[in-house]
Amino acid sequence: MRYSRVGLSGLVVSRVGLGMMSYGDTSRRAWHLDADAALPLVRAAAEAGGTFFDTADMYDQGASEEVTGTLLREVFGSRDDYVLATKVYFPMGDAPTSRGLPRKHLHAAVDASLRRRGTDHIDLYQIHRWDDATPIEETMCALDELVRAGKVRYPGASSVYAWQFAKAQYTARAHGWSGFVSMQNLYNLAYREEEREMIPLCRDLGVLPYSPLARGFLTGSRTRGGGRSTVRCRSDPLAVDRLPLSTVGAIEFLGVVVLALVGSHSGRNLAALALAVGGVAVLTDVRLAGERLGFGYAFANCVGFMLYMVLGHRIATTGPGWRT
C-alpha cells in the first residue's frame, strides 16, 4: 500500500480507501451488508494497509456510521491507526433544523456522528452538498468552530460546483478560518467531467474520487443489451440514473473491453485496473474532457484512454517508476 498526504495538509491516508456506504441496515438495500458480513472485507482492507474509511451520516440514517465505528474498533488496535471520514448535509429527521449546513445542524450532527462511531473526533468532516439556504460564511465559520473544539481535524467537501468550492475557500481564507483540504467528487473512467474545472482547481488539495468503478460498470457488471450480473446493479437505482445505458456510448464500453484485455495480460482484475488507471489520471492531471465533436472527440478520447491504460498497466505490472 502507498500513502499520501491529503493535499498540502498533514493528514496521511492510504492511496486506496474503503467506502462504507454498503455496510449498515440490510433492510434498506438488497446489496447492503450487516456488521458480521462486512467484517471480513474491512479486515482485508486493513491487512492490505488501508487506513482511510469514509461514510456519511445519512447512509442508512446513521446505521453505516455505527457499523463503521464498531468494525474499526475491532480491526485496529488504536484510534490513531486509521482515518475516519464522514459527511453532513442530507436530512437526518423530519424537523427543518435536521438538515443542511447551518451552524445549529453542524454542531448537532457532528455530536451525533461521534456518538454513533464511538469516538471523540472525526478526521475528515465533509459537506456532502452545497446549501443554498445557508450563507457560506456561516457554514465555514461553524466548521472552523468544530476544528477549534477538537471534534474535527480537517474540513472537506463533496459534490459541489467549482465556483462554489472556490467561493468557500476564499471565504475561509479571508476570515482566517480552516478551509477545505479535500474534494470528494464523482470521477471515474466513464465520467470525467471533473477534469474540466474541479481537478485543476484542486492542484494543492486532496482529490478523493467516489464511485471509481462507476457503480460496478467498469468491472463489466452491465452490458449494452441491458444485462446485469450483480445484486447491486440490478437493485441500485442510482446505477441507472447516473449512467443510463441509453447515454453510454461505444467509447465507454470500449474502456471496459480494454480493461479486460489488459487485465488478462497483467493478471489483475477489472476493479484493480480501473482504480489504478483512475489514480493515474488524477496524479498526472491528464485532461481528456472536451466538447462532443463527433469522430474527432471520439478519436481523442480513444487515444487518451489508451494513454491511461499504458500507465495503468505499468502500475499493475511493475509499479510506478516515479515518486507520488
Protein backbone atom coordinates (compact mmCIF):
# COMPACT_ATOMS: atom_id res chain seq x y z
CA MET A 1 0.00 0.00 0.00
CA ARG A 2 1.15 3.53 -0.77
CA TYR A 3 0.30 6.51 1.40
CA SER A 4 -0.17 10.18 0.58
CA ARG A 5 -0.89 13.41 2.33
CA VAL A 6 -4.30 14.89 1.59
CA GLY A 7 -3.26 17.88 -0.49
CA LEU A 8 -0.88 20.11 1.45
CA SER A 9 -2.38 19.14 4.82
CA GLY A 10 -0.66 16.91 7.33
CA LEU A 11 -3.34 14.22 7.06
CA VAL A 12 -1.83 10.98 5.71
CA VAL A 13 -4.12 8.34 4.19
CA SER A 14 -3.77 5.13 2.23
CA ARG A 15 -3.93 5.70 -1.51
CA VAL A 16 -6.89 3.31 -1.66
CA GLY A 17 -9.70 3.87 0.85
CA LEU A 18 -12.78 1.84 1.67
CA GLY A 19 -16.20 3.40 1.22
CA MET A 20 -18.58 2.24 3.96
CA MET A 21 -21.91 3.13 2.37
CA SER A 22 -22.64 -0.55 1.65
CA TYR A 23 -22.45 -1.54 5.31
CA GLY A 24 -25.31 -0.89 7.70
CA ASP A 25 -29.01 -1.69 7.52
CA THR A 26 -29.68 -4.66 5.24
CA SER A 27 -33.40 -3.90 5.15
CA ARG A 28 -32.85 -0.69 3.17
CA ARG A 29 -30.91 -2.04 0.19
CA ALA A 30 -30.59 -5.57 -1.19
CA TRP A 31 -26.85 -5.09 -1.65
CA HIS A 32 -26.11 -3.77 1.85
CA LEU A 33 -24.23 -5.90 4.39
CA ASP A 34 -24.56 -6.09 8.16
CA ALA A 35 -21.60 -5.89 10.54
CA ASP A 36 -20.87 -9.63 10.51
CA ALA A 37 -20.84 -9.84 6.72
CA ALA A 38 -18.78 -6.64 6.40
CA LEU A 39 -16.11 -7.63 8.94
CA PRO A 40 -14.04 -9.83 6.56
CA LEU A 41 -13.96 -7.04 3.99
CA VAL A 42 -12.89 -4.37 6.47
CA ARG A 43 -10.30 -6.73 7.93
CA ALA A 44 -8.94 -7.49 4.45
CA ALA A 45 -8.68 -3.75 3.74
CA ALA A 46 -6.76 -3.20 6.96
CA GLU A 47 -4.44 -6.14 6.34
CA ALA A 48 -3.69 -4.73 2.89
CA GLY A 49 -2.58 -1.48 4.53
CA GLY A 50 -5.78 0.53 4.13
CA THR A 51 -6.18 3.30 6.68
CA PHE A 52 -8.88 5.51 5.12
CA PHE A 53 -12.55 4.74 5.74
CA ASP A 54 -15.30 7.05 4.51
CA THR A 55 -19.03 7.18 5.16
CA ALA A 56 -21.81 9.74 5.78
CA ASP A 57 -24.39 10.32 8.49
CA MET A 58 -27.28 9.84 6.05
CA TYR A 59 -26.17 6.39 4.86
CA ASP A 60 -28.86 4.12 6.28
CA GLN A 61 -29.82 7.00 8.59
CA GLY A 62 -26.76 6.56 10.77
CA ALA A 63 -26.50 2.76 10.69
CA SER A 64 -23.44 2.93 8.43
CA GLU A 65 -21.61 5.13 10.93
CA GLU A 66 -22.49 2.76 13.77
CA VAL A 67 -21.21 -0.28 11.85
CA THR A 68 -18.11 1.63 10.76
CA GLY A 69 -17.23 2.55 14.34
CA THR A 70 -17.82 -0.99 15.60
CA LEU A 71 -15.76 -2.67 12.88
CA LEU A 72 -12.80 -0.29 13.02
CA ARG A 73 -12.54 -0.64 16.80
CA GLU A 74 -12.44 -4.40 16.34
CA VAL A 75 -9.94 -4.45 13.47
CA PHE A 76 -7.47 -1.77 14.60
CA GLY A 77 -5.59 -1.68 17.87
CA SER A 78 -5.57 2.10 18.21
CA ARG A 79 -7.74 5.02 17.10
CA ASP A 80 -4.60 6.67 15.74
CA ASP A 81 -4.04 3.81 13.28
CA TYR A 82 -6.81 4.82 10.86
CA VAL A 83 -8.50 7.88 9.39
CA LEU A 84 -12.26 8.35 9.85
CA ALA A 85 -14.17 10.43 7.34
CA THR A 86 -17.87 11.25 7.23
CA LYS A 87 -20.20 13.74 5.59
CA VAL A 88 -23.05 16.04 6.57
CA TYR A 89 -25.91 17.80 4.75
CA PHE A 90 -28.83 15.49 4.00
CA PRO A 91 -31.89 15.26 6.30
CA MET A 92 -31.46 13.16 9.43
CA GLY A 93 -35.03 13.67 10.62
CA ASP A 94 -38.31 15.37 9.83
CA ALA A 95 -37.51 18.66 11.57
CA PRO A 96 -36.41 21.53 9.31
CA THR A 97 -33.39 22.02 11.59
CA SER A 98 -32.07 18.50 10.95
CA ARG A 99 -30.59 19.16 7.53
CA GLY A 100 -28.35 21.44 5.50
CA LEU A 101 -25.26 23.30 6.67
CA PRO A 102 -26.38 25.91 9.20
CA ARG A 103 -24.40 26.27 12.44
CA LYS A 104 -27.15 24.62 14.54
CA HIS A 105 -27.27 21.48 12.42
CA LEU A 106 -23.49 21.18 12.00
CA HIS A 107 -22.90 21.22 15.75
CA ALA A 108 -25.73 18.76 16.41
CA ALA A 109 -24.74 16.49 13.51
CA VAL A 110 -21.10 16.19 14.49
CA ASP A 111 -22.05 15.25 18.06
CA ALA A 112 -24.44 12.60 16.73
CA SER A 113 -21.77 11.19 14.39
CA LEU A 114 -19.27 11.00 17.24
CA ARG A 115 -21.78 9.09 19.39
CA ARG A 116 -22.60 6.65 16.60
CA ARG A 117 -18.94 5.97 15.86
CA GLY A 118 -17.89 5.78 19.50
CA THR A 119 -15.02 8.22 19.12
CA ASP A 120 -14.11 11.72 20.28
CA HIS A 121 -13.09 13.18 16.92
CA ILE A 122 -13.60 12.92 13.16
CA ASP A 123 -10.51 13.17 11.00
CA LEU A 124 -12.18 14.47 7.83
CA TYR A 125 -15.60 16.12 8.09
CA GLN A 126 -17.03 16.82 4.64
CA ILE A 127 -20.00 18.85 3.49
CA HIS A 128 -21.99 16.40 1.36
CA ARG A 129 -23.52 19.07 -0.88
CA TRP A 130 -23.81 22.85 -1.20
CA ASP A 131 -26.50 24.52 0.90
CA ASP A 132 -28.20 27.39 -0.96
CA ALA A 133 -30.27 28.24 2.12
CA THR A 134 -27.29 28.97 4.39
CA PRO A 135 -24.68 31.71 3.84
CA ILE A 136 -21.31 30.14 3.16
CA GLU A 137 -19.84 32.43 5.82
CA GLU A 138 -21.96 30.71 8.47
CA THR A 139 -21.02 27.25 7.25
CA MET A 140 -17.28 27.89 7.08
CA CYS A 141 -17.28 29.64 10.47
CA ALA A 142 -19.15 26.71 12.04
CA LEU A 143 -16.70 24.20 10.55
CA ASP A 144 -13.83 26.23 11.96
CA GLU A 145 -15.53 26.15 15.37
CA LEU A 146 -15.64 22.35 15.19
CA VAL A 147 -11.94 22.24 14.38
CA ARG A 148 -11.07 24.55 17.27
CA ALA A 149 -13.27 22.48 19.59
CA GLY A 150 -11.23 19.38 18.72
CA LYS A 151 -14.19 17.48 17.31
CA VAL A 152 -12.95 17.71 13.71
CA ARG A 153 -9.37 17.58 12.50
CA TYR A 154 -9.90 18.72 8.89
CA PRO A 155 -12.90 20.01 6.89
CA GLY A 156 -13.54 18.67 3.40
CA ALA A 157 -16.18 18.99 0.67
CA SER A 158 -18.03 16.74 -1.75
CA SER A 159 -20.04 17.19 -4.94
CA VAL A 160 -20.20 20.95 -5.40
CA TYR A 161 -19.52 23.13 -8.43
CA ALA A 162 -16.03 24.52 -8.89
CA TRP A 163 -17.20 28.12 -8.38
CA GLN A 164 -18.90 27.14 -5.12
CA PHE A 165 -15.79 25.37 -3.90
CA ALA A 166 -13.65 28.39 -4.80
CA LYS A 167 -16.08 30.74 -3.02
CA ALA A 168 -15.95 28.64 0.15
CA GLN A 169 -12.15 28.55 0.12
CA TYR A 170 -11.92 32.29 -0.45
CA THR A 171 -14.36 32.94 2.40
CA ALA A 172 -12.38 30.79 4.84
CA ARG A 173 -9.07 32.36 3.84
CA ALA A 174 -10.42 35.90 4.11
CA HIS A 175 -11.56 35.29 7.71
CA GLY A 176 -8.65 33.14 8.87
CA TRP A 177 -10.84 30.05 9.23
CA SER A 178 -9.99 26.45 8.45
CA GLY A 179 -10.56 25.80 4.75
CA PHE A 180 -11.29 22.57 2.95
CA VAL A 181 -8.35 20.21 2.48
CA SER A 182 -10.08 17.88 0.02
CA MET A 183 -12.75 17.41 -2.61
CA GLN A 184 -14.65 14.13 -2.88
CA ASN A 185 -16.18 14.15 -6.34
CA LEU A 186 -17.73 11.71 -8.77
CA TYR A 187 -14.87 10.70 -11.05
CA ASN A 188 -14.02 7.54 -12.96
CA LEU A 189 -13.09 6.38 -16.45
CA ALA A 190 -16.71 6.56 -17.58
CA TYR A 191 -17.35 10.05 -16.12
CA ARG A 192 -14.53 12.57 -16.47
CA GLU A 193 -16.38 15.88 -16.37
CA GLU A 194 -14.37 16.87 -13.28
CA GLU A 195 -11.28 17.23 -15.46
CA ARG A 196 -12.66 20.49 -16.86
CA GLU A 197 -12.52 22.65 -13.73
CA MET A 198 -12.58 20.85 -10.40
CA ILE A 199 -9.43 18.74 -10.60
CA PRO A 200 -7.27 21.65 -11.87
CA LEU A 201 -8.73 23.78 -9.05
CA CYS A 202 -7.63 21.12 -6.54
CA ARG A 203 -3.96 21.18 -7.52
CA ASP A 204 -2.97 21.93 -3.90
CA LEU A 205 -5.79 19.89 -2.36
CA GLY A 206 -6.66 16.25 -1.97
CA VAL A 207 -8.91 14.64 -4.58
CA LEU A 208 -10.88 11.67 -3.24
CA PRO A 209 -12.91 10.30 -6.17
CA TYR A 210 -16.03 8.39 -5.24
CA SER A 211 -17.56 5.65 -7.36
CA PRO A 212 -14.19 4.93 -9.08
CA LEU A 213 -15.72 1.78 -10.58
CA ALA A 214 -18.81 3.66 -11.87
CA ARG A 215 -21.07 1.65 -9.56
CA GLY A 216 -19.66 -1.57 -11.00
CA PHE A 217 -19.91 -0.59 -14.67
CA LEU A 218 -16.12 -0.69 -15.14
CA THR A 219 -15.99 -4.22 -13.77
CA GLY A 220 -18.23 -5.47 -16.58
CA SER A 221 -21.39 -5.84 -14.48
CA ARG A 222 -23.59 -4.32 -17.21
CA THR A 223 -23.85 -4.99 -20.94
CA ARG A 224 -25.13 -2.94 -23.84
CA GLY A 225 -28.01 -5.39 -24.12
CA GLY A 226 -29.18 -4.47 -20.64
CA GLY A 227 -27.74 -7.47 -18.79
CA ARG A 228 -26.83 -7.01 -15.13
CA SER A 229 -24.68 -9.55 -13.35
CA THR A 230 -24.64 -8.39 -9.71
CA VAL A 231 -27.22 -7.79 -6.99
CA ARG A 232 -26.25 -4.14 -6.76
CA CYS A 233 -26.53 -3.29 -10.44
CA ARG A 234 -29.93 -4.99 -10.51
CA SER A 235 -31.28 -3.14 -7.46
CA ASP A 236 -29.40 0.17 -7.20
CA PRO A 237 -31.46 2.90 -8.93
CA LEU A 238 -28.51 5.31 -8.97
CA ALA A 239 -26.57 2.86 -11.13
CA VAL A 240 -29.16 3.54 -13.82
CA ASP A 241 -29.85 7.21 -13.10
CA ARG A 242 -26.20 8.26 -13.16
CA LEU A 243 -25.11 6.04 -16.04
CA PRO A 244 -28.16 5.08 -18.13
CA LEU A 245 -27.30 2.66 -20.90
CA SER A 246 -29.09 4.87 -23.42
CA THR A 247 -26.39 7.51 -22.92
CA VAL A 248 -23.43 5.17 -22.68
CA GLY A 249 -21.54 5.21 -25.94
CA ALA A 250 -19.19 2.77 -27.59
CA ILE A 251 -16.19 4.58 -26.09
CA GLU A 252 -17.23 3.76 -22.53
CA PHE A 253 -17.88 0.10 -23.36
CA LEU A 254 -14.59 0.02 -25.25
CA GLY A 255 -12.98 1.07 -22.00
CA VAL A 256 -14.36 -1.99 -20.23
CA VAL A 257 -13.14 -4.23 -23.06
CA VAL A 258 -9.65 -2.71 -22.95
CA LEU A 259 -9.55 -3.09 -19.18
CA ALA A 260 -10.41 -6.77 -19.60
CA LEU A 261 -7.69 -7.30 -22.21
CA VAL A 262 -5.01 -5.57 -20.16
CA GLY A 263 -6.20 -7.39 -17.05
CA SER A 264 -5.82 -10.78 -18.71
CA HIS A 265 -2.27 -9.85 -19.73
CA SER A 266 -1.20 -8.47 -16.35
CA GLY A 267 -3.12 -10.91 -14.16
CA ARG A 268 -5.11 -8.13 -12.50
CA ASN A 269 -8.88 -7.94 -12.26
CA LEU A 270 -11.01 -5.15 -13.71
CA ALA A 271 -11.57 -3.43 -10.38
CA ALA A 272 -7.85 -3.19 -9.60
CA LEU A 273 -7.06 -1.85 -13.05
CA ALA A 274 -9.85 0.71 -13.02
CA LEU A 275 -8.63 2.03 -9.67
CA ALA A 276 -5.02 2.16 -10.86
CA VAL A 277 -5.83 3.90 -14.12
CA GLY A 278 -8.19 6.36 -12.45
CA GLY A 279 -5.50 7.19 -9.94
CA VAL A 280 -3.00 7.87 -12.71
CA ALA A 281 -5.48 10.26 -14.32
CA VAL A 282 -5.69 12.34 -11.14
CA LEU A 283 -1.98 12.23 -10.35
CA THR A 284 -0.80 13.26 -13.81
CA ASP A 285 -3.57 15.83 -14.36
CA VAL A 286 -4.16 14.39 -17.84
CA ARG A 287 -7.19 16.21 -19.24
CA LEU A 288 -9.43 14.37 -21.67
CA ALA A 289 -12.65 16.34 -21.36
CA GLY A 290 -13.86 18.30 -24.35
CA GLU A 291 -16.88 19.18 -26.40
CA ARG A 292 -18.59 16.36 -28.22
CA LEU A 293 -17.44 16.90 -31.77
CA GLY A 294 -18.29 13.60 -33.37
CA PHE A 295 -15.43 11.49 -34.66
CA GLY A 296 -12.73 13.93 -33.57
CA TYR A 297 -13.94 13.82 -29.97
CA ALA A 298 -14.23 10.04 -30.03
CA PHE A 299 -10.75 9.63 -31.52
CA ALA A 300 -9.19 11.97 -28.96
CA ASN A 301 -10.86 10.08 -26.13
CA CYS A 302 -9.67 6.74 -27.52
CA VAL A 303 -6.09 7.99 -27.68
CA GLY A 304 -6.34 9.47 -24.21
CA PHE A 305 -7.90 6.33 -22.79
CA MET A 306 -5.12 4.23 -24.26
CA LEU A 307 -2.60 6.54 -22.56
CA TYR A 308 -4.38 5.87 -19.28
CA MET A 309 -4.23 2.15 -19.96
CA VAL A 310 -0.49 2.20 -20.69
CA LEU A 311 0.20 4.00 -17.41
CA GLY A 312 -2.25 1.80 -15.51
CA HIS A 313 -0.64 -1.32 -16.95
CA ARG A 314 2.73 -0.06 -15.72
CA ILE A 315 1.38 0.22 -12.19
CA ALA A 316 -0.33 -3.17 -12.37
CA THR A 317 2.81 -4.99 -13.52
CA THR A 318 5.92 -3.19 -12.30
CA GLY A 319 4.75 -0.38 -10.04
CA PRO A 320 5.18 3.33 -10.81
CA GLY A 321 8.62 4.48 -11.82
CA TRP A 322 8.20 7.89 -10.22
CA ARG A 323 7.51 9.21 -6.75
CA THR A 324 3.90 10.19 -5.95
